[in-house]
Structures are given as C-alpha cells and as structure tokens.
Amino acid sequence: GRLVLVGGEEGGKWTGGMGRWLRAALLSLVSRQTLTPLLPGGGVEHLDVLAELAAAGDLFPPIDRTVGLADVPQAIDDLRAGRLHGKVVVTP
C-alpha cells in the first residue's frame, strides 16, 4: 500500500516544517507501506477544473461502500484482501 502525506506542519527549528515528511521517508525504508509526500504544484489552475466538474455533477470518486464504525474492522480486512473496488466511507 501507499500512504500519501498531504500538506506539512508549522515550521520547525531544524526541519522547517518538513519533519513529518522526513520521518515518512525514513519509515518507508523499513515498512511494508510506502509513505510518500504529495508536493504541491506550481499553481491552482487544476482546482478550478475540479470545482467545475464537481459543480456539474461530473466528478465521481470511486466508493465501494459506506460502513458504520462497528463495521470498520471488516472493511479493513476486505481492503487487505483486495476485495474493495473503491474507497470506503466511514459514518458515525
């Protein structure tokens, strides 16, 4: 699997707000999961396109199912077993 880190944190004395990304890079060396930072691009033009698609009802994230908190363990098992064909939405 891959865990994508989005955004940073407030500045640090030594890491300048990149501490979480640096820890993720180190953990990736010894973990079965790849931890990757998502670096922002040069502009936000693509966000306008996404906003237009969402407003028009033409943006459909792949959702496999919606589960309550009690069913999260089963959803995690299904994720690990590769039985999901989209995201799982967790509701309270």
Protein backbone atom coordinates (compact mmCIF):
# COMPACT_ATOMS: atom_id res chain seq x y z
CA GLY A 1 0.00 0.00 0.00
CA ARG A 2 0.89 3.63 -0.26
CA LEU A 3 0.18 6.35 2.28
CA VAL A 4 0.23 9.83 0.77
CA LEU A 5 1.01 12.71 3.12
CA VAL A 6 -0.71 15.91 2.06
CA GLY A 7 0.39 19.22 3.48
CA GLY A 8 3.00 19.95 6.04
CA GLU A 9 3.20 21.28 9.51
CA GLU A 10 4.23 24.53 11.02
CA GLY A 11 7.93 25.37 10.82
CA GLY A 12 10.46 23.51 12.87
CA LYS A 13 13.80 24.76 14.11
CA TRP A 14 15.74 22.17 12.10
CA THR A 15 13.28 20.85 9.53
CA GLY A 16 11.37 23.99 8.55
CA GLY A 17 8.00 22.22 8.64
CA MET A 18 9.21 19.13 6.78
CA GLY A 19 9.64 16.89 9.84
CA ARG A 20 6.66 14.66 9.08
CA TRP A 21 7.83 14.14 5.50
CA LEU A 22 11.36 13.30 6.64
CA ARG A 23 10.05 10.79 9.20
CA ALA A 24 7.85 9.25 6.48
CA ALA A 25 10.85 8.86 4.17
CA LEU A 26 12.80 7.10 6.92
CA LEU A 27 9.87 4.85 7.85
CA SER A 28 9.43 3.85 4.21
CA LEU A 29 12.86 2.24 4.34
CA VAL A 30 11.75 -0.27 6.98
CA SER A 31 7.99 -0.51 6.42
CA ARG A 32 5.93 -2.61 4.01
CA GLN A 33 3.91 0.51 3.28
CA THR A 34 5.30 3.27 1.09
CA LEU A 35 4.96 6.71 2.66
CA THR A 36 5.01 9.45 0.03
CA PRO A 37 4.66 13.22 0.36
CA LEU A 38 2.36 14.95 -2.11
CA LEU A 39 4.22 18.04 -3.22
CA PRO A 40 2.12 20.97 -4.40
CA GLY A 41 2.38 22.03 -8.00
CA GLY A 42 3.15 25.48 -9.30
CA GLY A 43 -0.41 26.72 -9.49
CA VAL A 44 -4.01 26.09 -8.60
CA GLU A 45 -5.48 26.12 -12.10
CA HIS A 46 -6.34 22.43 -11.87
CA LEU A 47 -8.51 23.14 -8.81
CA ASP A 48 -10.80 25.30 -10.96
CA VAL A 49 -11.34 22.36 -13.30
CA LEU A 50 -12.11 20.04 -10.38
CA ALA A 51 -14.53 22.59 -8.90
CA GLU A 52 -16.34 22.88 -12.24
CA LEU A 53 -16.61 19.09 -12.56
CA ALA A 54 -17.93 18.78 -9.01
CA ALA A 55 -20.46 21.61 -9.52
CA ALA A 56 -21.72 19.98 -12.73
CA GLY A 57 -22.09 16.60 -11.01
CA ASP A 58 -19.47 15.06 -13.27
CA LEU A 59 -16.94 14.12 -10.59
CA PHE A 60 -17.47 10.67 -9.14
CA PRO A 61 -14.97 9.31 -6.62
CA PRO A 62 -14.91 5.51 -6.65
CA ILE A 63 -16.76 4.49 -3.47
CA ASP A 64 -17.11 0.77 -2.81
CA ARG A 65 -19.34 1.07 0.26
CA THR A 66 -20.35 3.09 3.28
CA VAL A 67 -19.95 1.48 6.70
CA GLY A 68 -20.63 2.40 10.30
CA LEU A 69 -17.92 2.42 12.94
CA ALA A 70 -18.83 -1.10 14.06
CA ASP A 71 -18.06 -2.44 10.56
CA VAL A 72 -14.64 -0.80 10.15
CA PRO A 73 -12.68 -3.96 11.12
CA GLN A 74 -14.42 -5.94 8.36
CA ALA A 75 -13.76 -3.14 5.86
CA ILE A 76 -10.07 -3.18 6.79
CA ASP A 77 -9.99 -6.96 6.31
CA ASP A 78 -11.64 -6.51 2.89
CA LEU A 79 -9.06 -3.84 1.99
CA ARG A 80 -6.17 -6.10 2.95
CA ALA A 81 -7.68 -9.00 1.00
CA GLY A 82 -8.14 -6.87 -2.13
CA ARG A 83 -11.93 -7.19 -2.13
CA LEU A 84 -12.58 -3.45 -2.47
CA HIS A 85 -13.14 -1.68 -5.77
CA GLY A 86 -13.07 1.87 -4.45
CA LYS A 87 -12.96 3.81 -1.21
CA VAL A 88 -14.82 3.04 1.99
CA VAL A 89 -16.72 5.88 3.62
CA VAL A 90 -16.99 5.60 7.42
CA THR A 91 -20.05 7.15 9.06
CA PRO A 92 -20.60 7.60 12.80
